[in-house]
Amino acid sequence: MTDKLFDRELGERLRILREHLGLSLGALADRSGVSKAMIARVERAQSSATAALLGRLCAGLGIRLSSLIEAADRPSEPLSRYRDQPVWRDPKTGYLRRQVSPPAASSGIEITSITLPPGKKVPYRAWTKNAYLQQILVLSGKLHLQTGGESFVLGKGDCLDFDVLRPNIFENRDKSFARYLIIIRNN
């Protein structure tokens, strides 16, 4: 799927979710802290949203970013082949997000593979609705993770259990790419 087509699918899915929840652009703007104009541009695929912006919109909608991306580019079978996995790149940071798990995983486990380029940072605000727990497993490189008031430096093989109830900042201060998995168990 091309970036422009993916942006259109993502924007359409965002609009559908917002309308399904009965939210106007203004209401979602209030919930997420994202301007009405920016939300409208993303919904119309006139702007490619960053990871931080999508995180704020998803928090305002009470959904996970992975479910928004998955819904915009859903494989048609329960087996998630590498070539069919939805991939999204943040246009600002180059952050690459691959939805590894099949969309209909009966285990309720969701796995997302992330590649964060050197010198880049992705902040997420605290969620106020439908918060969840997650684990991060670093595959390569080094990742600085700030969750609430706590800071962690994670290297290859390190695994951390944390939530989205507090702000989270993912930062790669190294000169090489940081690769990690985010694992969530859906309730």
N, C-alpha and C. Protein backbone atom coordinates (compact mmCIF):
# COMPACT_ATOMS: atom_id res chain seq x y z
N MET A 1 0.85 -1.17 0.00
CA MET A 1 0.00 0.00 0.00
C MET A 1 0.90 1.24 0.00
N THR A 2 0.61 2.21 -0.85
CA THR A 2 1.40 3.43 -0.93
C THR A 2 1.13 4.31 0.29
N ASP A 3 2.07 5.23 0.56
CA ASP A 3 1.90 6.14 1.70
C ASP A 3 0.64 6.99 1.55
N LYS A 4 0.38 7.50 0.33
CA LYS A 4 -0.80 8.35 0.12
C LYS A 4 -2.09 7.56 0.32
N LEU A 5 -2.12 6.34 -0.20
CA LEU A 5 -3.31 5.49 -0.02
C LEU A 5 -3.49 5.16 1.46
N PHE A 6 -2.38 4.84 2.12
CA PHE A 6 -2.45 4.52 3.55
C PHE A 6 -2.95 5.73 4.34
N ASP A 7 -2.44 6.93 4.02
CA ASP A 7 -2.90 8.14 4.70
C ASP A 7 -4.40 8.34 4.51
N ARG A 8 -4.91 8.05 3.30
CA ARG A 8 -6.35 8.18 3.05
C ARG A 8 -7.14 7.18 3.89
N GLU A 9 -6.67 5.91 3.93
CA GLU A 9 -7.35 4.88 4.72
C GLU A 9 -7.31 5.22 6.21
N LEU A 10 -6.16 5.71 6.68
CA LEU A 10 -6.00 6.08 8.08
C LEU A 10 -6.94 7.25 8.43
N GLY A 11 -6.97 8.26 7.57
CA GLY A 11 -7.84 9.41 7.80
C GLY A 11 -9.31 9.02 7.81
N GLU A 12 -9.69 8.16 6.88
CA GLU A 12 -11.08 7.69 6.82
C GLU A 12 -11.44 6.91 8.07
N ARG A 13 -10.55 6.04 8.52
CA ARG A 13 -10.80 5.25 9.73
C ARG A 13 -10.92 6.16 10.95
N LEU A 14 -10.07 7.17 11.01
CA LEU A 14 -10.12 8.13 12.12
C LEU A 14 -11.47 8.86 12.12
N ARG A 15 -11.91 9.32 10.96
CA ARG A 15 -13.19 10.02 10.85
C ARG A 15 -14.35 9.11 11.26
N ILE A 16 -14.33 7.87 10.79
CA ILE A 16 -15.40 6.92 11.12
C ILE A 16 -15.45 6.67 12.63
N LEU A 17 -14.29 6.46 13.25
CA LEU A 17 -14.24 6.23 14.70
C LEU A 17 -14.76 7.45 15.46
N ARG A 18 -14.33 8.63 15.03
CA ARG A 18 -14.78 9.87 15.69
C ARG A 18 -16.29 10.01 15.59
N GLU A 19 -16.83 9.80 14.41
CA GLU A 19 -18.28 9.94 14.21
C GLU A 19 -19.05 8.85 14.95
N HIS A 20 -18.50 7.63 14.98
CA HIS A 20 -19.14 6.52 15.69
C HIS A 20 -19.28 6.84 17.18
N LEU A 21 -18.32 7.56 17.72
CA LEU A 21 -18.36 7.94 19.13
C LEU A 21 -19.20 9.21 19.33
N GLY A 22 -19.73 9.75 18.24
CA GLY A 22 -20.57 10.94 18.34
C GLY A 22 -19.79 12.20 18.65
N LEU A 23 -18.52 12.23 18.25
CA LEU A 23 -17.67 13.38 18.55
C LEU A 23 -17.55 14.30 17.34
N SER A 24 -17.70 15.58 17.58
CA SER A 24 -17.42 16.57 16.55
C SER A 24 -15.91 16.76 16.48
N LEU A 25 -15.46 17.49 15.47
CA LEU A 25 -14.03 17.82 15.40
C LEU A 25 -13.62 18.59 16.66
N GLY A 26 -14.48 19.50 17.11
CA GLY A 26 -14.18 20.28 18.31
C GLY A 26 -14.08 19.44 19.56
N ALA A 27 -14.97 18.45 19.68
CA ALA A 27 -14.94 17.58 20.87
C ALA A 27 -13.67 16.74 20.89
N LEU A 28 -13.28 16.20 19.73
CA LEU A 28 -12.03 15.42 19.68
C LEU A 28 -10.84 16.34 19.92
N ALA A 29 -10.90 17.56 19.42
CA ALA A 29 -9.82 18.52 19.67
C ALA A 29 -9.67 18.77 21.17
N ASP A 30 -10.80 18.95 21.86
CA ASP A 30 -10.76 19.17 23.31
C ASP A 30 -10.18 17.96 24.05
N ARG A 31 -10.58 16.77 23.64
CA ARG A 31 -10.12 15.54 24.30
C ARG A 31 -8.64 15.25 24.04
N SER A 32 -8.17 15.60 22.85
CA SER A 32 -6.82 15.19 22.44
C SER A 32 -5.78 16.30 22.52
N GLY A 33 -6.23 17.55 22.54
CA GLY A 33 -5.27 18.66 22.50
C GLY A 33 -4.73 18.92 21.10
N VAL A 34 -5.37 18.35 20.08
CA VAL A 34 -4.99 18.56 18.68
C VAL A 34 -6.02 19.52 18.07
N SER A 35 -5.56 20.48 17.30
CA SER A 35 -6.49 21.48 16.74
C SER A 35 -7.49 20.83 15.78
N LYS A 36 -8.66 21.45 15.69
CA LYS A 36 -9.69 20.98 14.75
C LYS A 36 -9.16 20.98 13.33
N ALA A 37 -8.40 22.01 12.97
CA ALA A 37 -7.86 22.10 11.61
C ALA A 37 -6.93 20.94 11.31
N MET A 38 -6.08 20.59 12.27
CA MET A 38 -5.14 19.47 12.04
C MET A 38 -5.89 18.15 11.94
N ILE A 39 -6.88 17.94 12.80
CA ILE A 39 -7.67 16.71 12.73
C ILE A 39 -8.33 16.60 11.35
N ALA A 40 -8.91 17.69 10.88
CA ALA A 40 -9.56 17.70 9.57
C ALA A 40 -8.56 17.39 8.46
N ARG A 41 -7.35 17.95 8.55
CA ARG A 41 -6.32 17.67 7.52
C ARG A 41 -5.92 16.21 7.52
N VAL A 42 -5.79 15.61 8.70
CA VAL A 42 -5.44 14.19 8.78
C VAL A 42 -6.58 13.34 8.23
N GLU A 43 -7.81 13.66 8.61
CA GLU A 43 -8.97 12.89 8.12
C GLU A 43 -9.09 12.96 6.61
N ARG A 44 -8.72 14.08 6.00
CA ARG A 44 -8.81 14.24 4.55
C ARG A 44 -7.51 13.86 3.85
N ALA A 45 -6.54 13.32 4.61
CA ALA A 45 -5.23 12.90 4.08
C ALA A 45 -4.49 14.06 3.42
N GLN A 46 -4.70 15.26 3.94
CA GLN A 46 -3.97 16.42 3.45
C GLN A 46 -2.69 16.64 4.23
N SER A 47 -2.53 15.88 5.30
CA SER A 47 -1.35 15.96 6.14
C SER A 47 -1.03 14.56 6.67
N SER A 48 0.24 14.19 6.63
CA SER A 48 0.67 12.92 7.23
C SER A 48 0.92 13.15 8.70
N ALA A 49 0.20 12.45 9.54
CA ALA A 49 0.31 12.64 10.99
C ALA A 49 1.58 12.00 11.54
N THR A 50 2.13 12.61 12.57
CA THR A 50 3.28 12.05 13.27
C THR A 50 2.80 11.02 14.29
N ALA A 51 3.73 10.24 14.82
CA ALA A 51 3.39 9.25 15.85
C ALA A 51 2.82 9.94 17.09
N ALA A 52 3.43 11.06 17.48
CA ALA A 52 2.95 11.77 18.67
C ALA A 52 1.53 12.29 18.45
N LEU A 53 1.27 12.85 17.26
CA LEU A 53 -0.06 13.38 16.96
C LEU A 53 -1.09 12.25 16.94
N LEU A 54 -0.77 11.14 16.28
CA LEU A 54 -1.71 10.00 16.26
C LEU A 54 -1.93 9.46 17.66
N GLY A 55 -0.88 9.44 18.47
CA GLY A 55 -1.03 8.98 19.85
C GLY A 55 -2.01 9.85 20.62
N ARG A 56 -1.94 11.17 20.42
CA ARG A 56 -2.86 12.09 21.09
C ARG A 56 -4.29 11.88 20.61
N LEU A 57 -4.46 11.69 19.28
CA LEU A 57 -5.80 11.46 18.75
C LEU A 57 -6.37 10.13 19.26
N CYS A 58 -5.55 9.11 19.29
CA CYS A 58 -6.02 7.81 19.78
C CYS A 58 -6.38 7.87 21.25
N ALA A 59 -5.59 8.60 22.03
CA ALA A 59 -5.92 8.77 23.45
C ALA A 59 -7.26 9.48 23.59
N GLY A 60 -7.51 10.48 22.75
CA GLY A 60 -8.77 11.20 22.77
C GLY A 60 -9.95 10.32 22.37
N LEU A 61 -9.69 9.37 21.49
CA LEU A 61 -10.74 8.43 21.05
C LEU A 61 -10.85 7.22 21.98
N GLY A 62 -9.83 7.01 22.83
CA GLY A 62 -9.84 5.86 23.73
C GLY A 62 -9.49 4.56 23.02
N ILE A 63 -8.63 4.64 21.99
CA ILE A 63 -8.21 3.44 21.27
C ILE A 63 -6.68 3.40 21.21
N ARG A 64 -6.14 2.23 20.91
CA ARG A 64 -4.70 2.08 20.75
C ARG A 64 -4.29 2.48 19.34
N LEU A 65 -3.11 3.05 19.19
CA LEU A 65 -2.58 3.42 17.89
C LEU A 65 -2.51 2.20 16.98
N SER A 66 -2.12 1.08 17.53
CA SER A 66 -2.00 -0.13 16.72
C SER A 66 -3.33 -0.53 16.11
N SER A 67 -4.43 -0.36 16.84
CA SER A 67 -5.73 -0.75 16.28
C SER A 67 -6.16 0.22 15.18
N LEU A 68 -5.77 1.48 15.28
CA LEU A 68 -6.08 2.43 14.21
C LEU A 68 -5.29 2.08 12.95
N ILE A 69 -4.02 1.79 13.09
CA ILE A 69 -3.19 1.44 11.94
C ILE A 69 -3.65 0.12 11.33
N GLU A 70 -3.93 -0.85 12.18
CA GLU A 70 -4.39 -2.16 11.70
C GLU A 70 -5.69 -2.02 10.92
N ALA A 71 -6.61 -1.22 11.40
CA ALA A 71 -7.90 -1.04 10.74
C ALA A 71 -7.74 -0.36 9.39
N ALA A 72 -6.69 0.45 9.23
CA ALA A 72 -6.47 1.15 7.97
C ALA A 72 -5.82 0.25 6.92
N ASP A 73 -5.20 -0.84 7.34
CA ASP A 73 -4.51 -1.73 6.39
C ASP A 73 -4.56 -3.15 6.92
N ARG A 74 -5.70 -3.78 6.86
CA ARG A 74 -5.95 -5.07 7.49
C ARG A 74 -5.68 -6.24 6.54
N PRO A 75 -4.79 -7.16 6.94
CA PRO A 75 -4.63 -8.37 6.15
C PRO A 75 -5.92 -9.18 6.15
N SER A 76 -6.14 -9.97 5.13
CA SER A 76 -7.41 -10.68 5.00
C SER A 76 -7.42 -12.06 5.65
N GLU A 77 -6.31 -12.51 6.20
CA GLU A 77 -6.28 -13.83 6.83
C GLU A 77 -5.74 -13.75 8.25
N PRO A 78 -6.01 -14.75 9.10
CA PRO A 78 -5.56 -14.68 10.49
C PRO A 78 -4.04 -14.86 10.64
N LEU A 79 -3.38 -15.38 9.61
CA LEU A 79 -1.93 -15.49 9.62
C LEU A 79 -1.36 -14.15 9.16
N SER A 80 -0.44 -13.61 9.92
CA SER A 80 0.16 -12.32 9.58
C SER A 80 1.53 -12.55 8.96
N ARG A 81 1.56 -12.60 7.64
CA ARG A 81 2.83 -12.77 6.93
C ARG A 81 3.57 -11.43 6.90
N TYR A 82 4.88 -11.50 7.01
CA TYR A 82 5.71 -10.30 7.07
C TYR A 82 5.38 -9.32 5.94
N ARG A 83 5.26 -9.83 4.73
CA ARG A 83 5.02 -8.96 3.57
C ARG A 83 3.66 -8.26 3.62
N ASP A 84 2.71 -8.80 4.42
CA ASP A 84 1.37 -8.24 4.50
C ASP A 84 1.14 -7.37 5.74
N GLN A 85 2.12 -7.32 6.63
CA GLN A 85 1.93 -6.58 7.87
C GLN A 85 1.90 -5.07 7.62
N PRO A 86 0.91 -4.40 8.17
CA PRO A 86 0.82 -2.94 7.98
C PRO A 86 2.03 -2.24 8.57
N VAL A 87 2.60 -1.33 7.80
CA VAL A 87 3.76 -0.56 8.22
C VAL A 87 3.43 0.91 8.07
N TRP A 88 3.82 1.68 9.07
CA TRP A 88 3.60 3.11 9.03
C TRP A 88 4.88 3.82 9.47
N ARG A 89 5.25 4.87 8.75
CA ARG A 89 6.44 5.65 9.08
C ARG A 89 6.02 7.07 9.46
N ASP A 90 6.51 7.52 10.62
CA ASP A 90 6.26 8.88 11.07
C ASP A 90 7.02 9.83 10.14
N PRO A 91 6.33 10.74 9.48
CA PRO A 91 7.01 11.62 8.53
C PRO A 91 7.99 12.60 9.18
N LYS A 92 7.83 12.85 10.46
CA LYS A 92 8.70 13.81 11.15
C LYS A 92 9.98 13.15 11.68
N THR A 93 9.85 11.98 12.32
CA THR A 93 11.00 11.36 12.98
C THR A 93 11.59 10.18 12.22
N GLY A 94 10.83 9.60 11.29
CA GLY A 94 11.29 8.39 10.62
C GLY A 94 10.99 7.13 11.43
N TYR A 95 10.36 7.30 12.58
CA TYR A 95 9.92 6.18 13.43
C TYR A 95 9.11 5.22 12.56
N LEU A 96 9.46 3.94 12.58
CA LEU A 96 8.78 2.95 11.75
C LEU A 96 8.04 1.97 12.65
N ARG A 97 6.77 1.76 12.36
CA ARG A 97 5.91 0.91 13.18
C ARG A 97 5.32 -0.18 12.30
N ARG A 98 5.56 -1.45 12.66
CA ARG A 98 5.04 -2.60 11.93
C ARG A 98 4.09 -3.37 12.85
N GLN A 99 2.86 -3.56 12.39
CA GLN A 99 1.87 -4.33 13.15
C GLN A 99 2.11 -5.80 12.87
N VAL A 100 2.75 -6.51 13.79
CA VAL A 100 3.17 -7.89 13.59
C VAL A 100 2.02 -8.88 13.76
N SER A 101 1.22 -8.71 14.78
CA SER A 101 0.16 -9.68 15.10
C SER A 101 -0.93 -9.69 14.05
N PRO A 102 -1.53 -10.87 13.83
CA PRO A 102 -2.71 -10.91 12.96
C PRO A 102 -3.85 -10.13 13.62
N PRO A 103 -4.71 -9.49 12.83
CA PRO A 103 -5.76 -8.68 13.42
C PRO A 103 -6.77 -9.47 14.23
N ALA A 104 -6.93 -10.74 13.95
CA ALA A 104 -7.93 -11.55 14.65
C ALA A 104 -7.28 -12.55 15.59
N ALA A 105 -6.18 -12.18 16.21
CA ALA A 105 -5.46 -13.12 17.09
C ALA A 105 -6.34 -13.57 18.25
N SER A 106 -6.60 -14.86 18.31
CA SER A 106 -7.47 -15.38 19.37
C SER A 106 -6.81 -15.33 20.74
N SER A 107 -5.49 -15.19 20.79
CA SER A 107 -4.78 -15.11 22.06
C SER A 107 -5.03 -13.79 22.78
N GLY A 108 -5.47 -12.78 22.04
CA GLY A 108 -5.65 -11.47 22.64
C GLY A 108 -4.35 -10.72 22.81
N ILE A 109 -3.28 -11.24 22.23
CA ILE A 109 -1.97 -10.59 22.33
C ILE A 109 -1.70 -9.79 21.07
N GLU A 110 -1.19 -8.60 21.25
CA GLU A 110 -0.87 -7.72 20.13
C GLU A 110 0.62 -7.39 20.19
N ILE A 111 1.32 -7.61 19.09
CA ILE A 111 2.75 -7.34 19.03
C ILE A 111 3.00 -6.32 17.93
N THR A 112 3.75 -5.29 18.29
CA THR A 112 4.13 -4.24 17.35
C THR A 112 5.64 -4.10 17.37
N SER A 113 6.23 -4.06 16.19
CA SER A 113 7.67 -3.88 16.05
C SER A 113 7.95 -2.43 15.71
N ILE A 114 8.89 -1.82 16.44
CA ILE A 114 9.22 -0.41 16.26
C ILE A 114 10.70 -0.27 15.95
N THR A 115 11.01 0.62 15.02
CA THR A 115 12.39 1.02 14.75
C THR A 115 12.46 2.53 14.94
N LEU A 116 13.28 2.96 15.88
CA LEU A 116 13.43 4.38 16.18
C LEU A 116 14.83 4.82 15.74
N PRO A 117 14.89 5.76 14.78
CA PRO A 117 16.19 6.21 14.27
C PRO A 117 17.03 6.91 15.34
N PRO A 118 18.34 6.98 15.10
CA PRO A 118 19.24 7.66 16.03
C PRO A 118 18.84 9.12 16.24
N GLY A 119 18.95 9.56 17.50
CA GLY A 119 18.70 10.95 17.83
C GLY A 119 17.25 11.38 17.81
N LYS A 120 16.32 10.44 17.75
CA LYS A 120 14.90 10.79 17.66
C LYS A 120 14.17 10.48 18.96
N LYS A 121 13.07 11.24 19.17
CA LYS A 121 12.27 11.11 20.38
C LYS A 121 10.80 11.12 20.00
N VAL A 122 10.01 10.24 20.65
CA VAL A 122 8.57 10.20 20.41
C VAL A 122 7.87 10.26 21.77
N PRO A 123 7.21 11.39 22.06
CA PRO A 123 6.48 11.54 23.33
C PRO A 123 5.00 11.17 23.18
N TYR A 124 4.43 10.58 24.20
CA TYR A 124 3.00 10.29 24.26
C TYR A 124 2.44 10.85 25.56
N ARG A 125 1.29 11.49 25.47
CA ARG A 125 0.61 11.97 26.66
C ARG A 125 0.00 10.80 27.41
N ALA A 126 -0.34 11.04 28.67
CA ALA A 126 -1.04 10.04 29.48
C ALA A 126 -2.44 9.82 28.91
N TRP A 127 -2.90 8.59 28.94
CA TRP A 127 -4.26 8.26 28.49
C TRP A 127 -5.21 8.49 29.65
N THR A 128 -6.39 8.94 29.33
CA THR A 128 -7.39 9.15 30.37
C THR A 128 -8.55 8.18 30.24
N LYS A 129 -8.60 7.46 29.14
CA LYS A 129 -9.72 6.56 28.88
C LYS A 129 -9.18 5.29 28.22
N ASN A 130 -9.73 4.13 28.60
CA ASN A 130 -9.33 2.84 28.02
C ASN A 130 -7.82 2.60 28.08
N ALA A 131 -7.21 2.95 29.20
CA ALA A 131 -5.78 2.75 29.37
C ALA A 131 -5.47 1.26 29.41
N TYR A 132 -4.23 0.91 29.15
CA TYR A 132 -3.83 -0.48 29.09
C TYR A 132 -2.38 -0.63 29.58
N LEU A 133 -2.01 -1.87 29.86
CA LEU A 133 -0.65 -2.21 30.25
C LEU A 133 0.07 -2.75 29.03
N GLN A 134 1.38 -2.61 29.03
CA GLN A 134 2.17 -3.12 27.91
C GLN A 134 3.56 -3.49 28.41
N GLN A 135 4.25 -4.25 27.57
CA GLN A 135 5.65 -4.56 27.83
C GLN A 135 6.45 -4.16 26.61
N ILE A 136 7.70 -3.78 26.87
CA ILE A 136 8.61 -3.45 25.78
C ILE A 136 9.79 -4.40 25.88
N LEU A 137 10.21 -4.95 24.74
CA LEU A 137 11.37 -5.83 24.66
C LEU A 137 12.31 -5.24 23.62
N VAL A 138 13.50 -4.84 24.05
CA VAL A 138 14.47 -4.23 23.14
C VAL A 138 15.20 -5.35 22.39
N LEU A 139 15.18 -5.25 21.05
CA LEU A 139 15.83 -6.24 20.19
C LEU A 139 17.25 -5.85 19.83
N SER A 140 17.48 -4.54 19.63
CA SER A 140 18.83 -4.06 19.33
C SER A 140 18.90 -2.56 19.62
N GLY A 141 20.11 -2.09 19.83
CA GLY A 141 20.32 -0.68 20.14
C GLY A 141 20.03 -0.39 21.60
N LYS A 142 19.88 0.88 21.88
CA LYS A 142 19.62 1.33 23.25
C LYS A 142 18.46 2.31 23.21
N LEU A 143 17.55 2.17 24.17
CA LEU A 143 16.38 3.03 24.21
C LEU A 143 16.26 3.66 25.58
N HIS A 144 16.07 4.97 25.62
CA HIS A 144 15.77 5.68 26.86
C HIS A 144 14.25 5.82 26.92
N LEU A 145 13.67 5.33 27.98
CA LEU A 145 12.22 5.39 28.15
C LEU A 145 11.91 6.10 29.46
N GLN A 146 11.13 7.15 29.35
CA GLN A 146 10.67 7.86 30.54
C GLN A 146 9.18 7.58 30.64
N THR A 147 8.76 7.03 31.77
CA THR A 147 7.35 6.74 32.01
C THR A 147 6.98 7.39 33.33
N GLY A 148 6.15 8.41 33.23
CA GLY A 148 5.85 9.20 34.42
C GLY A 148 7.13 9.86 34.90
N GLY A 149 7.46 9.71 36.15
CA GLY A 149 8.67 10.29 36.71
C GLY A 149 9.87 9.35 36.69
N GLU A 150 9.70 8.15 36.18
CA GLU A 150 10.79 7.17 36.15
C GLU A 150 11.47 7.15 34.80
N SER A 151 12.80 6.96 34.82
CA SER A 151 13.57 6.87 33.59
C SER A 151 14.31 5.54 33.55
N PHE A 152 14.33 4.94 32.38
CA PHE A 152 15.00 3.65 32.18
C PHE A 152 15.86 3.72 30.93
N VAL A 153 17.02 3.09 30.98
CA VAL A 153 17.85 2.90 29.80
C VAL A 153 17.80 1.41 29.52
N LEU A 154 17.24 1.06 28.37
CA LEU A 154 17.03 -0.34 28.02
C LEU A 154 17.94 -0.74 26.87
N GLY A 155 18.61 -1.88 27.03
CA GLY A 155 19.48 -2.42 25.99
C GLY A 155 18.93 -3.74 25.49
N LYS A 156 19.64 -4.34 24.56
CA LYS A 156 19.23 -5.59 23.94
C LYS A 156 18.83 -6.63 25.00
N GLY A 157 17.63 -7.18 24.84
CA GLY A 157 17.12 -8.21 25.74
C GLY A 157 16.40 -7.69 26.96
N ASP A 158 16.48 -6.39 27.24
CA ASP A 158 15.79 -5.82 28.40
C ASP A 158 14.29 -5.75 28.11
N CYS A 159 13.49 -6.04 29.15
CA CYS A 159 12.04 -6.03 29.03
C CYS A 159 11.47 -5.24 30.20
N LEU A 160 10.55 -4.33 29.92
CA LEU A 160 9.96 -3.49 30.94
C LEU A 160 8.45 -3.55 30.84
N ASP A 161 7.78 -3.68 31.97
CA ASP A 161 6.32 -3.68 32.07
C ASP A 161 5.91 -2.28 32.51
N PHE A 162 5.02 -1.62 31.75
CA PHE A 162 4.58 -0.27 32.09
C PHE A 162 3.21 -0.01 31.50
N ASP A 163 2.65 1.16 31.83
CA ASP A 163 1.29 1.47 31.36
C ASP A 163 1.27 2.78 30.59
N VAL A 164 0.08 3.16 30.15
CA VAL A 164 -0.10 4.41 29.41
C VAL A 164 -0.88 5.44 30.25
N LEU A 165 -0.99 5.18 31.55
CA LEU A 165 -1.70 6.11 32.44
C LEU A 165 -0.87 7.35 32.73
N ARG A 166 0.42 7.27 32.47
CA ARG A 166 1.34 8.40 32.66
C ARG A 166 1.96 8.74 31.31
N PRO A 167 2.49 9.94 31.15
CA PRO A 167 3.17 10.26 29.89
C PRO A 167 4.36 9.33 29.67
N ASN A 168 4.60 8.95 28.43
CA ASN A 168 5.74 8.09 28.07
C ASN A 168 6.54 8.78 26.98
N ILE A 169 7.86 8.77 27.13
CA ILE A 169 8.75 9.33 26.12
C ILE A 169 9.75 8.26 25.72
N PHE A 170 9.76 7.93 24.44
CA PHE A 170 10.70 6.96 23.87
C PHE A 170 11.78 7.77 23.16
N GLU A 171 13.05 7.54 23.52
CA GLU A 171 14.13 8.34 22.93
C GLU A 171 15.32 7.46 22.60
N ASN A 172 15.88 7.68 21.42
CA ASN A 172 17.09 6.99 21.00
C ASN A 172 18.22 8.01 20.97
N ARG A 173 19.08 7.97 21.98
CA ARG A 173 20.19 8.92 22.07
C ARG A 173 21.46 8.36 21.43
N ASP A 174 21.38 7.14 20.94
CA ASP A 174 22.54 6.46 20.34
C ASP A 174 22.75 6.88 18.89
N LYS A 175 23.80 6.33 18.29
CA LYS A 175 24.10 6.60 16.88
C LYS A 175 23.61 5.48 15.98
N SER A 176 23.01 4.45 16.57
CA SER A 176 22.46 3.36 15.77
C SER A 176 20.95 3.27 16.04
N PHE A 177 20.25 2.57 15.16
CA PHE A 177 18.80 2.41 15.31
C PHE A 177 18.47 1.60 16.56
N ALA A 178 17.38 1.94 17.21
CA ALA A 178 16.85 1.15 18.32
C ALA A 178 15.66 0.37 17.76
N ARG A 179 15.67 -0.95 17.96
CA ARG A 179 14.56 -1.80 17.52
C ARG A 179 13.97 -2.47 18.75
N TYR A 180 12.63 -2.43 18.84
CA TYR A 180 11.99 -3.03 19.99
C TYR A 180 10.59 -3.48 19.65
N LEU A 181 10.06 -4.34 20.52
CA LEU A 181 8.69 -4.82 20.40
C LEU A 181 7.86 -4.25 21.52
N ILE A 182 6.64 -3.87 21.19
CA ILE A 182 5.64 -3.52 22.20
C ILE A 182 4.62 -4.66 22.21
N ILE A 183 4.38 -5.21 23.38
CA ILE A 183 3.46 -6.35 23.52
C ILE A 183 2.32 -5.95 24.45
N ILE A 184 1.10 -6.13 23.96
CA ILE A 184 -0.09 -5.75 24.72
C ILE A 184 -1.02 -6.95 24.76
N ARG A 185 -1.59 -7.20 25.91
CA ARG A 185 -2.62 -8.25 26.01
C ARG A 185 -3.96 -7.53 26.10
N ASN A 186 -4.79 -7.77 25.09
CA ASN A 186 -6.11 -7.14 25.05
C ASN A 186 -7.02 -7.81 26.07
N ASN A 187 -7.83 -7.02 26.71
CA ASN A 187 -8.76 -7.56 27.70
C ASN A 187 -10.06 -7.96 27.08
